[in-house]
Amino acid sequence: WPLEPAFLVPDEARQEFRKALERGKAWEAEWEMRAAAY
């Protein structure tokens, strides 16, 4: 693992985090639709 910087967040991890945010938004929208139908 690189010695510097002291706390490293790899670009791959940042990209996965952005994807996770999009999945979360999609799941939230699905929940709102189900709640409205209910």
PDB file of all heavy atoms in Angstrom:
ATOM      1  N   TRP A   1       0.854  -1.195   0.000  1.00  0.00           N
ATOM      2  CA  TRP A   1       0.000   0.000   0.000  1.00  0.00           C
ATOM      3  C   TRP A   1       0.890   1.245   0.000  1.00  0.00           C
ATOM      4  O   TRP A   1       1.912   1.259   0.690  1.00  0.00           O
ATOM      5  CB  TRP A   1      -0.872  -0.010   1.251  1.00  0.00           C
ATOM      6  CG  TRP A   1      -2.041   0.944   1.218  1.00  0.00           C
ATOM      7  CD1 TRP A   1      -2.136   2.138   1.846  1.00  0.00           C
ATOM      8  CD2 TRP A   1      -3.286   0.745   0.548  1.00  0.00           C
ATOM      9  NE1 TRP A   1      -3.351   2.715   1.604  1.00  0.00           N
ATOM     10  CE2 TRP A   1      -4.093   1.880   0.811  1.00  0.00           C
ATOM     11  CE3 TRP A   1      -3.799  -0.273  -0.256  1.00  0.00           C
ATOM     12  CZ2 TRP A   1      -5.372   2.023   0.286  1.00  0.00           C
ATOM     13  CZ3 TRP A   1      -5.073  -0.132  -0.763  1.00  0.00           C
ATOM     14  CH2 TRP A   1      -5.853   1.006  -0.498  1.00  0.00           C
ATOM     15  N   PRO A   2       0.544   2.297  -0.740  1.00  0.00           N
ATOM     16  CA  PRO A   2       1.382   3.505  -0.754  1.00  0.00           C
ATOM     17  C   PRO A   2       1.571   4.075   0.648  1.00  0.00           C
ATOM     18  O   PRO A   2       0.633   4.116   1.446  1.00  0.00           O
ATOM     19  CB  PRO A   2       0.592   4.466  -1.647  1.00  0.00           C
ATOM     20  CG  PRO A   2      -0.259   3.581  -2.501  1.00  0.00           C
ATOM     21  CD  PRO A   2      -0.614   2.415  -1.648  1.00  0.00           C
ATOM     22  N   LEU A   3       2.767   4.523   0.938  1.00  0.00           N
ATOM     23  CA  LEU A   3       3.045   5.111   2.244  1.00  0.00           C
ATOM     24  C   LEU A   3       2.446   6.504   2.385  1.00  0.00           C
ATOM     25  O   LEU A   3       2.119   6.938   3.498  1.00  0.00           O
ATOM     26  CB  LEU A   3       4.562   5.175   2.477  1.00  0.00           C
ATOM     27  CG  LEU A   3       5.302   3.830   2.506  1.00  0.00           C
ATOM     28  CD1 LEU A   3       6.784   4.062   2.766  1.00  0.00           C
ATOM     29  CD2 LEU A   3       4.707   2.903   3.554  1.00  0.00           C
ATOM     30  N   GLU A   4       2.290   7.196   1.288  1.00  0.00           N
ATOM     31  CA  GLU A   4       1.700   8.537   1.285  1.00  0.00           C
ATOM     32  C   GLU A   4       0.583   8.592   0.258  1.00  0.00           C
ATOM     33  O   GLU A   4       0.671   7.936  -0.784  1.00  0.00           O
ATOM     34  CB  GLU A   4       2.776   9.591   0.966  1.00  0.00           C
ATOM     35  CG  GLU A   4       3.889   9.673   1.984  1.00  0.00           C
ATOM     36  CD  GLU A   4       3.421  10.157   3.336  1.00  0.00           C
ATOM     37  OE1 GLU A   4       2.337  10.806   3.388  1.00  0.00           O
ATOM     38  OE2 GLU A   4       4.115   9.909   4.331  1.00  0.00           O
ATOM     39  N   PRO A   5      -0.491   9.334   0.557  1.00  0.00           N
ATOM     40  CA  PRO A   5      -0.756  10.105   1.771  1.00  0.00           C
ATOM     41  C   PRO A   5      -1.045   9.200   2.965  1.00  0.00           C
ATOM     42  O   PRO A   5      -1.225   7.989   2.809  1.00  0.00           O
ATOM     43  CB  PRO A   5      -1.979  10.943   1.397  1.00  0.00           C
ATOM     44  CG  PRO A   5      -2.693  10.096   0.381  1.00  0.00           C
ATOM     45  CD  PRO A   5      -1.610   9.415  -0.399  1.00  0.00           C
ATOM     46  N   ALA A   6      -1.110   9.795   4.143  1.00  0.00           N
ATOM     47  CA  ALA A   6      -1.313   9.009   5.356  1.00  0.00           C
ATOM     48  C   ALA A   6      -2.631   8.243   5.309  1.00  0.00           C
ATOM     49  O   ALA A   6      -2.713   7.094   5.766  1.00  0.00           O
ATOM     50  CB  ALA A   6      -1.260   9.928   6.583  1.00  0.00           C
ATOM     51  N   PHE A   7      -3.672   8.843   4.752  1.00  0.00           N
ATOM     52  CA  PHE A   7      -4.979   8.182   4.616  1.00  0.00           C
ATOM     53  C   PHE A   7      -5.385   8.245   3.157  1.00  0.00           C
ATOM     54  O   PHE A   7      -5.686   9.318   2.631  1.00  0.00           O
ATOM     55  CB  PHE A   7      -6.029   8.863   5.490  1.00  0.00           C
ATOM     56  CG  PHE A   7      -7.344   8.133   5.524  1.00  0.00           C
ATOM     57  CD1 PHE A   7      -7.527   7.056   6.370  1.00  0.00           C
ATOM     58  CD2 PHE A   7      -8.387   8.517   4.693  1.00  0.00           C
ATOM     59  CE1 PHE A   7      -8.740   6.378   6.400  1.00  0.00           C
ATOM     60  CE2 PHE A   7      -9.594   7.840   4.717  1.00  0.00           C
ATOM     61  CZ  PHE A   7      -9.772   6.774   5.574  1.00  0.00           C
ATOM     62  N   LEU A   8      -5.354   7.116   2.503  1.00  0.00           N
ATOM     63  CA  LEU A   8      -5.592   7.062   1.059  1.00  0.00           C
ATOM     64  C   LEU A   8      -6.922   6.388   0.751  1.00  0.00           C
ATOM     65  O   LEU A   8      -7.204   5.293   1.249  1.00  0.00           O
ATOM     66  CB  LEU A   8      -4.460   6.288   0.376  1.00  0.00           C
ATOM     67  CG  LEU A   8      -4.651   5.982  -1.112  1.00  0.00           C
ATOM     68  CD1 LEU A   8      -4.667   7.269  -1.926  1.00  0.00           C
ATOM     69  CD2 LEU A   8      -3.571   5.032  -1.601  1.00  0.00           C
ATOM     70  N   VAL A   9      -7.725   7.055  -0.060  1.00  0.00           N
ATOM     71  CA  VAL A   9      -8.949   6.453  -0.595  1.00  0.00           C
ATOM     72  C   VAL A   9      -8.737   6.283  -2.094  1.00  0.00           C
ATOM     73  O   VAL A   9      -8.716   7.272  -2.838  1.00  0.00           O
ATOM     74  CB  VAL A   9     -10.186   7.328  -0.329  1.00  0.00           C
ATOM     75  CG1 VAL A   9     -11.438   6.676  -0.926  1.00  0.00           C
ATOM     76  CG2 VAL A   9     -10.371   7.553   1.168  1.00  0.00           C
ATOM     77  N   PRO A  10      -8.560   5.057  -2.590  1.00  0.00           N
ATOM     78  CA  PRO A  10      -8.275   4.850  -4.019  1.00  0.00           C
ATOM     79  C   PRO A  10      -9.410   5.348  -4.907  1.00  0.00           C
ATOM     80  O   PRO A  10     -10.574   5.386  -4.496  1.00  0.00           O
ATOM     81  CB  PRO A  10      -8.124   3.327  -4.125  1.00  0.00           C
ATOM     82  CG  PRO A  10      -7.820   2.868  -2.737  1.00  0.00           C
ATOM     83  CD  PRO A  10      -8.554   3.792  -1.833  1.00  0.00           C
ATOM     84  N   ASP A  11      -9.065   5.714  -6.120  1.00  0.00           N
ATOM     85  CA  ASP A  11     -10.068   6.195  -7.062  1.00  0.00           C
ATOM     86  C   ASP A  11     -11.151   5.147  -7.307  1.00  0.00           C
ATOM     87  O   ASP A  11     -12.326   5.489  -7.485  1.00  0.00           O
ATOM     88  CB  ASP A  11      -9.404   6.579  -8.386  1.00  0.00           C
ATOM     89  CG  ASP A  11      -8.541   7.833  -8.250  1.00  0.00           C
ATOM     90  OD1 ASP A  11      -8.780   8.619  -7.314  1.00  0.00           O
ATOM     91  OD2 ASP A  11      -7.625   8.012  -9.080  1.00  0.00           O
ATOM     92  N   GLU A  12     -10.751   3.856  -7.332  1.00  0.00           N
ATOM     93  CA  GLU A  12     -11.740   2.795  -7.558  1.00  0.00           C
ATOM     94  C   GLU A  12     -12.810   2.803  -6.464  1.00  0.00           C
ATOM     95  O   GLU A  12     -13.998   2.579  -6.727  1.00  0.00           O
ATOM     96  CB  GLU A  12     -11.053   1.432  -7.594  1.00  0.00           C
ATOM     97  CG  GLU A  12     -10.087   1.244  -8.762  1.00  0.00           C
ATOM     98  CD  GLU A  12      -8.707   1.748  -8.456  1.00  0.00           C
ATOM     99  OE1 GLU A  12      -8.538   2.448  -7.423  1.00  0.00           O
ATOM    100  OE2 GLU A  12      -7.788   1.455  -9.241  1.00  0.00           O
ATOM    101  N   ALA A  13     -12.370   3.052  -5.218  1.00  0.00           N
ATOM    102  CA  ALA A  13     -13.320   3.098  -4.109  1.00  0.00           C
ATOM    103  C   ALA A  13     -14.265   4.287  -4.242  1.00  0.00           C
ATOM    104  O   ALA A  13     -15.471   4.184  -3.968  1.00  0.00           O
ATOM    105  CB  ALA A  13     -12.566   3.155  -2.783  1.00  0.00           C
ATOM    106  N   ARG A  14     -13.736   5.424  -4.662  1.00  0.00           N
ATOM    107  CA  ARG A  14     -14.575   6.601  -4.855  1.00  0.00           C
ATOM    108  C   ARG A  14     -15.618   6.355  -5.944  1.00  0.00           C
ATOM    109  O   ARG A  14     -16.777   6.767  -5.824  1.00  0.00           O
ATOM    110  CB  ARG A  14     -13.705   7.804  -5.227  1.00  0.00           C
ATOM    111  CG  ARG A  14     -12.729   8.235  -4.124  1.00  0.00           C
ATOM    112  CD  ARG A  14     -11.895   9.421  -4.573  1.00  0.00           C
ATOM    113  NE  ARG A  14     -10.869   9.745  -3.623  1.00  0.00           N
ATOM    114  CZ  ARG A  14     -11.033  10.513  -2.555  1.00  0.00           C
ATOM    115  NH1 ARG A  14     -12.221  11.043  -2.326  1.00  0.00           N
ATOM    116  NH2 ARG A  14     -10.030  10.774  -1.728  1.00  0.00           N
ATOM    117  N   GLN A  15     -15.218   5.671  -7.001  1.00  0.00           N
ATOM    118  CA  GLN A  15     -16.155   5.378  -8.087  1.00  0.00           C
ATOM    119  C   GLN A  15     -17.270   4.440  -7.608  1.00  0.00           C
ATOM    120  O   GLN A  15     -18.434   4.628  -7.947  1.00  0.00           O
ATOM    121  CB  GLN A  15     -15.405   4.777  -9.271  1.00  0.00           C
ATOM    122  CG  GLN A  15     -14.445   5.750  -9.949  1.00  0.00           C
ATOM    123  CD  GLN A  15     -13.578   5.073 -10.989  1.00  0.00           C
ATOM    124  OE1 GLN A  15     -13.716   3.888 -11.260  1.00  0.00           O
ATOM    125  NE2 GLN A  15     -12.657   5.834 -11.592  1.00  0.00           N
ATOM    126  N   GLU A  16     -16.890   3.428  -6.819  1.00  0.00           N
ATOM    127  CA  GLU A  16     -17.900   2.503  -6.289  1.00  0.00           C
ATOM    128  C   GLU A  16     -18.867   3.237  -5.373  1.00  0.00           C
ATOM    129  O   GLU A  16     -20.065   2.934  -5.342  1.00  0.00           O
ATOM    130  CB  GLU A  16     -17.226   1.356  -5.543  1.00  0.00           C
ATOM    131  CG  GLU A  16     -16.585   0.325  -6.454  1.00  0.00           C
ATOM    132  CD  GLU A  16     -17.602  -0.341  -7.363  1.00  0.00           C
ATOM    133  OE1 GLU A  16     -18.723  -0.654  -6.894  1.00  0.00           O
ATOM    134  OE2 GLU A  16     -17.286  -0.548  -8.549  1.00  0.00           O
ATOM    135  N   PHE A  17     -18.356   4.205  -4.606  1.00  0.00           N
ATOM    136  CA  PHE A  17     -19.210   4.976  -3.715  1.00  0.00           C
ATOM    137  C   PHE A  17     -20.235   5.762  -4.513  1.00  0.00           C
ATOM    138  O   PHE A  17     -21.416   5.845  -4.149  1.00  0.00           O
ATOM    139  CB  PHE A  17     -18.357   5.914  -2.860  1.00  0.00           C
ATOM    140  CG  PHE A  17     -19.155   6.753  -1.900  1.00  0.00           C
ATOM    141  CD1 PHE A  17     -19.768   6.181  -0.798  1.00  0.00           C
ATOM    142  CD2 PHE A  17     -19.299   8.120  -2.113  1.00  0.00           C
ATOM    143  CE1 PHE A  17     -20.514   6.959   0.090  1.00  0.00           C
ATOM    144  CE2 PHE A  17     -20.036   8.899  -1.235  1.00  0.00           C
ATOM    145  CZ  PHE A  17     -20.648   8.318  -0.133  1.00  0.00           C
ATOM    146  N   ARG A  18     -19.803   6.394  -5.647  1.00  0.00           N
ATOM    147  CA  ARG A  18     -20.755   7.118  -6.493  1.00  0.00           C
ATOM    148  C   ARG A  18     -21.824   6.175  -7.024  1.00  0.00           C
ATOM    149  O   ARG A  18     -23.016   6.507  -7.076  1.00  0.00           O
ATOM    150  CB  ARG A  18     -20.004   7.781  -7.657  1.00  0.00           C
ATOM    151  CG  ARG A  18     -19.056   8.917  -7.236  1.00  0.00           C
ATOM    152  CD  ARG A  18     -18.561   9.688  -8.418  1.00  0.00           C
ATOM    153  NE  ARG A  18     -17.321  10.396  -8.100  1.00  0.00           N
ATOM    154  CZ  ARG A  18     -16.145   9.989  -8.397  1.00  0.00           C
ATOM    155  NH1 ARG A  18     -15.973   8.828  -9.014  1.00  0.00           N
ATOM    156  NH2 ARG A  18     -15.084  10.716  -8.089  1.00  0.00           N
ATOM    157  N   LYS A  19     -21.418   4.930  -7.416  1.00  0.00           N
ATOM    158  CA  LYS A  19     -22.424   3.972  -7.903  1.00  0.00           C
ATOM    159  C   LYS A  19     -23.400   3.593  -6.806  1.00  0.00           C
ATOM    160  O   LYS A  19     -24.601   3.406  -7.045  1.00  0.00           O
ATOM    161  CB  LYS A  19     -21.705   2.725  -8.427  1.00  0.00           C
ATOM    162  CG  LYS A  19     -20.871   2.974  -9.681  1.00  0.00           C
ATOM    163  CD  LYS A  19     -20.111   1.707 -10.081  1.00  0.00           C
ATOM    164  CE  LYS A  19     -19.212   1.965 -11.273  1.00  0.00           C
ATOM    165  NZ  LYS A  19     -18.420   0.751 -11.648  1.00  0.00           N
ATOM    166  N   ALA A  20     -22.874   3.433  -5.576  1.00  0.00           N
ATOM    167  CA  ALA A  20     -23.734   3.073  -4.452  1.00  0.00           C
ATOM    168  C   ALA A  20     -24.770   4.167  -4.178  1.00  0.00           C
ATOM    169  O   ALA A  20     -25.927   3.878  -3.855  1.00  0.00           O
ATOM    170  CB  ALA A  20     -22.881   2.830  -3.201  1.00  0.00           C
ATOM    171  N   LEU A  21     -24.361   5.416  -4.325  1.00  0.00           N
ATOM    172  CA  LEU A  21     -25.298   6.525  -4.145  1.00  0.00           C
ATOM    173  C   LEU A  21     -26.428   6.451  -5.168  1.00  0.00           C
ATOM    174  O   LEU A  21     -27.597   6.662  -4.829  1.00  0.00           O
ATOM    175  CB  LEU A  21     -24.563   7.860  -4.272  1.00  0.00           C
ATOM    176  CG  LEU A  21     -23.642   8.260  -3.110  1.00  0.00           C
ATOM    177  CD1 LEU A  21     -22.939   9.571  -3.421  1.00  0.00           C
ATOM    178  CD2 LEU A  21     -24.436   8.381  -1.813  1.00  0.00           C
ATOM    179  N   GLU A  22     -26.084   6.136  -6.402  1.00  0.00           N
ATOM    180  CA  GLU A  22     -27.111   6.048  -7.449  1.00  0.00           C
ATOM    181  C   GLU A  22     -28.061   4.888  -7.182  1.00  0.00           C
ATOM    182  O   GLU A  22     -29.277   5.013  -7.372  1.00  0.00           O
ATOM    183  CB  GLU A  22     -26.450   5.898  -8.821  1.00  0.00           C
ATOM    184  CG  GLU A  22     -25.666   7.133  -9.260  1.00  0.00           C
ATOM    185  CD  GLU A  22     -26.532   8.377  -9.286  1.00  0.00           C
ATOM    186  OE1 GLU A  22     -27.681   8.298  -9.763  1.00  0.00           O
ATOM    187  OE2 GLU A  22     -26.055   9.430  -8.820  1.00  0.00           O
ATOM    188  N   ARG A  23     -27.508   3.757  -6.736  1.00  0.00           N
ATOM    189  CA  ARG A  23     -28.378   2.621  -6.403  1.00  0.00           C
ATOM    190  C   ARG A  23     -29.306   2.985  -5.241  1.00  0.00           C
ATOM    191  O   ARG A  23     -30.488   2.619  -5.241  1.00  0.00           O
ATOM    192  CB  ARG A  23     -27.530   1.402  -6.048  1.00  0.00           C
ATOM    193  CG  ARG A  23     -26.793   0.791  -7.219  1.00  0.00           C
ATOM    194  CD  ARG A  23     -26.299  -0.612  -6.893  1.00  0.00           C
ATOM    195  NE  ARG A  23     -25.321  -0.595  -5.812  1.00  0.00           N
ATOM    196  CZ  ARG A  23     -24.008  -0.523  -5.997  1.00  0.00           C
ATOM    197  NH1 ARG A  23     -23.522  -0.438  -7.237  1.00  0.00           N
ATOM    198  NH2 ARG A  23     -23.177  -0.527  -4.978  1.00  0.00           N
ATOM    199  N   GLY A  24     -28.768   3.697  -4.272  1.00  0.00           N
ATOM    200  CA  GLY A  24     -29.587   4.104  -3.142  1.00  0.00           C
ATOM    201  C   GLY A  24     -30.729   5.012  -3.560  1.00  0.00           C
ATOM    202  O   GLY A  24     -31.864   4.881  -3.077  1.00  0.00           O
ATOM    203  N   LYS A  25     -30.454   5.945  -4.464  1.00  0.00           N
ATOM    204  CA  LYS A  25     -31.499   6.839  -4.964  1.00  0.00           C
ATOM    205  C   LYS A  25     -32.583   6.050  -5.702  1.00  0.00           C
ATOM    206  O   LYS A  25     -33.779   6.351  -5.577  1.00  0.00           O
ATOM    207  CB  LYS A  25     -30.886   7.894  -5.887  1.00  0.00           C
ATOM    208  CG  LYS A  25     -30.000   8.904  -5.168  1.00  0.00           C
ATOM    209  CD  LYS A  25     -29.389   9.885  -6.157  1.00  0.00           C
ATOM    210  CE  LYS A  25     -28.481  10.883  -5.453  1.00  0.00           C
ATOM    211  NZ  LYS A  25     -27.836  11.822  -6.404  1.00  0.00           N
ATOM    212  N   ALA A  26     -32.163   5.042  -6.477  1.00  0.00           N
ATOM    213  CA  ALA A  26     -33.135   4.222  -7.210  1.00  0.00           C
ATOM    214  C   ALA A  26     -34.009   3.427  -6.244  1.00  0.00           C
ATOM    215  O   ALA A  26     -35.231   3.322  -6.432  1.00  0.00           O
ATOM    216  CB  ALA A  26     -32.405   3.281  -8.165  1.00  0.00           C
ATOM    217  N   TRP A  27     -33.390   2.863  -5.195  1.00  0.00           N
ATOM    218  CA  TRP A  27     -34.167   2.111  -4.203  1.00  0.00           C
ATOM    219  C   TRP A  27     -35.126   3.016  -3.434  1.00  0.00           C
ATOM    220  O   TRP A  27     -36.250   2.624  -3.118  1.00  0.00           O
ATOM    221  CB  TRP A  27     -33.217   1.403  -3.238  1.00  0.00           C
ATOM    222  CG  TRP A  27     -32.466   0.271  -3.847  1.00  0.00           C
ATOM    223  CD1 TRP A  27     -32.826  -0.474  -4.931  1.00  0.00           C
ATOM    224  CD2 TRP A  27     -31.200  -0.242  -3.426  1.00  0.00           C
ATOM    225  NE1 TRP A  27     -31.872  -1.420  -5.211  1.00  0.00           N
ATOM    226  CE2 TRP A  27     -30.873  -1.302  -4.314  1.00  0.00           C
ATOM    227  CE3 TRP A  27     -30.316   0.084  -2.404  1.00  0.00           C
ATOM    228  CZ2 TRP A  27     -29.692  -2.037  -4.177  1.00  0.00           C
ATOM    229  CZ3 TRP A  27     -29.148  -0.645  -2.269  1.00  0.00           C
ATOM    230  CH2 TRP A  27     -28.841  -1.695  -3.149  1.00  0.00           C
ATOM    231  N   GLU A  28     -34.686   4.233  -3.150  1.00  0.00           N
ATOM    232  CA  GLU A  28     -35.559   5.185  -2.448  1.00  0.00           C
ATOM    233  C   GLU A  28     -36.760   5.535  -3.316  1.00  0.00           C
ATOM    234  O   GLU A  28     -37.904   5.619  -2.826  1.00  0.00           O
ATOM    235  CB  GLU A  28     -34.781   6.440  -2.079  1.00  0.00           C
ATOM    236  CG  GLU A  28     -35.607   7.443  -1.286  1.00  0.00           C
ATOM    237  CD  GLU A  28     -34.817   8.672  -0.889  1.00  0.00           C
ATOM    238  OE1 GLU A  28     -33.671   8.828  -1.363  1.00  0.00           O
ATOM    239  OE2 GLU A  28     -35.342   9.486  -0.111  1.00  0.00           O
ATOM    240  N   ALA A  29     -36.518   5.749  -4.608  1.00  0.00           N
ATOM    241  CA  ALA A  29     -37.615   6.065  -5.519  1.00  0.00           C
ATOM    242  C   ALA A  29     -38.598   4.895  -5.611  1.00  0.00           C
ATOM    243  O   ALA A  29     -39.822   5.097  -5.638  1.00  0.00           O
ATOM    244  CB  ALA A  29     -37.061   6.405  -6.907  1.00  0.00           C
ATOM    245  N   GLU A  30     -38.065   3.666  -5.642  1.00  0.00           N
ATOM    246  CA  GLU A  30     -38.940   2.489  -5.680  1.00  0.00           C
ATOM    247  C   GLU A  30     -39.797   2.413  -4.427  1.00  0.00           C
ATOM    248  O   GLU A  30     -40.993   2.098  -4.484  1.00  0.00           O
ATOM    249  CB  GLU A  30     -38.093   1.226  -5.821  1.00  0.00           C
ATOM    250  CG  GLU A  30     -38.919  -0.050  -5.862  1.00  0.00           C
ATOM    251  CD  GLU A  30     -38.066  -1.300  -5.843  1.00  0.00           C
ATOM    252  OE1 GLU A  30     -36.830  -1.181  -5.914  1.00  0.00           O
ATOM    253  OE2 GLU A  30     -38.635  -2.404  -5.755  1.00  0.00           O
ATOM    254  N   TRP A  31     -39.178   2.692  -3.273  1.00  0.00           N
ATOM    255  CA  TRP A  31     -39.927   2.662  -2.021  1.00  0.00           C
ATOM    256  C   TRP A  31     -41.046   3.702  -2.024  1.00  0.00           C
ATOM    257  O   TRP A  31     -42.178   3.420  -1.594  1.00  0.00           O
ATOM    258  CB  TRP A  31     -38.984   2.909  -0.849  1.00  0.00           C
ATOM    259  CG  TRP A  31     -39.694   3.360   0.396  1.00  0.00           C
ATOM    260  CD1 TRP A  31     -39.726   4.604   0.918  1.00  0.00           C
ATOM    261  CD2 TRP A  31     -40.517   2.553   1.250  1.00  0.00           C
ATOM    262  NE1 TRP A  31     -40.491   4.635   2.052  1.00  0.00           N
ATOM    263  CE2 TRP A  31     -40.992   3.391   2.284  1.00  0.00           C
ATOM    264  CE3 TRP A  31     -40.877   1.215   1.247  1.00  0.00           C
ATOM    265  CZ2 TRP A  31     -41.824   2.929   3.299  1.00  0.00           C
ATOM    266  CZ3 TRP A  31     -41.715   0.753   2.263  1.00  0.00           C
ATOM    267  CH2 TRP A  31     -42.167   1.596   3.266  1.00  0.00           C
ATOM    268  N   GLU A  32     -40.771   4.902  -2.519  1.00  0.00           N
ATOM    269  CA  GLU A  32     -41.782   5.948  -2.552  1.00  0.00           C
ATOM    270  C   GLU A  32     -42.956   5.537  -3.440  1.00  0.00           C
ATOM    271  O   GLU A  32     -44.117   5.814  -3.113  1.00  0.00           O
ATOM    272  CB  GLU A  32     -41.163   7.262  -3.058  1.00  0.00           C
ATOM    273  CG  GLU A  32     -40.124   7.864  -2.130  1.00  0.00           C
ATOM    274  CD  GLU A  32     -40.703   8.322  -0.800  1.00  0.00           C
ATOM    275  OE1 GLU A  32     -41.947   8.476  -0.716  1.00  0.00           O
ATOM    276  OE2 GLU A  32     -39.921   8.532   0.146  1.00  0.00           O
ATOM    277  N   MET A  33     -42.669   4.859  -4.551  1.00  0.00           N
ATOM    278  CA  MET A  33     -43.734   4.389  -5.430  1.00  0.00           C
ATOM    279  C   MET A  33     -44.586   3.339  -4.727  1.00  0.00           C
ATOM    280  O   MET A  33     -45.818   3.349  -4.808  1.00  0.00           O
ATOM    281  CB  MET A  33     -43.144   3.826  -6.721  1.00  0.00           C
ATOM    282  CG  MET A  33     -42.506   4.866  -7.630  1.00  0.00           C
ATOM    283  SD  MET A  33     -41.738   4.128  -9.105  1.00  0.00           S
ATOM    284  CE  MET A  33     -43.157   3.295  -9.840  1.00  0.00           C
ATOM    285  N   ARG A  34     -43.933   2.407  -4.015  1.00  0.00           N
ATOM    286  CA  ARG A  34     -44.671   1.369  -3.296  1.00  0.00           C
ATOM    287  C   ARG A  34     -45.523   1.967  -2.190  1.00  0.00           C
ATOM    288  O   ARG A  34     -46.658   1.552  -1.958  1.00  0.00           O
ATOM    289  CB  ARG A  34     -43.691   0.347  -2.722  1.00  0.00           C
ATOM    290  CG  ARG A  34     -43.015  -0.500  -3.783  1.00  0.00           C
ATOM    291  CD  ARG A  34     -41.878  -1.318  -3.206  1.00  0.00           C
ATOM    292  NE  ARG A  34     -42.311  -2.206  -2.152  1.00  0.00           N
ATOM    293  CZ  ARG A  34     -41.491  -2.947  -1.407  1.00  0.00           C
ATOM    294  NH1 ARG A  34     -40.192  -2.890  -1.617  1.00  0.00           N
ATOM    295  NH2 ARG A  34     -41.970  -3.729  -0.477  1.00  0.00           N
ATOM    296  N   ALA A  35     -44.964   2.952  -1.466  1.00  0.00           N
ATOM    297  CA  ALA A  35     -45.716   3.593  -0.398  1.00  0.00           C
ATOM    298  C   ALA A  35     -46.918   4.356  -0.946  1.00  0.00           C
ATOM    299  O   ALA A  35     -48.006   4.339  -0.352  1.00  0.00           O
ATOM    300  CB  ALA A  35     -44.801   4.532   0.387  1.00  0.00           C
ATOM    301  N   ALA A  36     -46.736   5.019  -2.098  1.00  0.00           N
ATOM    302  CA  ALA A  36     -47.843   5.754  -2.712  1.00  0.00           C
ATOM    303  C   ALA A  36     -48.949   4.796  -3.170  1.00  0.00           C
ATOM    304  O   ALA A  36     -50.143   5.071  -2.993  1.00  0.00           O
ATOM    305  CB  ALA A  36     -47.330   6.583  -3.891  1.00  0.00           C
ATOM    306  N   ALA A  37     -48.554   3.665  -3.766  1.00  0.00           N
ATOM    307  CA  ALA A  37     -49.540   2.669  -4.201  1.00  0.00           C
ATOM    308  C   ALA A  37     -50.293   2.100  -3.006  1.00  0.00           C
ATOM    309  O   ALA A  37     -51.508   1.870  -3.065  1.00  0.00           O
ATOM    310  CB  ALA A  37     -48.836   1.558  -4.972  1.00  0.00           C
ATOM    311  N   TYR A  38     -49.586   1.884  -1.907  1.00  0.00           N
ATOM    312  CA  TYR A  38     -50.212   1.372  -0.679  1.00  0.00           C
ATOM    313  C   TYR A  38     -51.235   2.378  -0.157  1.00  0.00           C
ATOM    314  O   TYR A  38     -52.361   2.017   0.208  1.00  0.00           O
ATOM    315  CB  TYR A  38     -49.129   1.103   0.363  1.00  0.00           C
ATOM    316  CG  TYR A  38     -49.635   0.568   1.686  1.00  0.00           C
ATOM    317  CD1 TYR A  38     -49.685  -0.808   1.925  1.00  0.00           C
ATOM    318  CD2 TYR A  38     -50.048   1.425   2.703  1.00  0.00           C
ATOM    319  CE1 TYR A  38     -50.140  -1.297   3.132  1.00  0.00           C
ATOM    320  CE2 TYR A  38     -50.507   0.939   3.910  1.00  0.00           C
ATOM    321  CZ  TYR A  38     -50.548  -0.418   4.131  1.00  0.00           C
ATOM    322  OH  TYR A  38     -51.004  -0.918   5.327  1.00  0.00           O
TER     323      TYR A  38
END
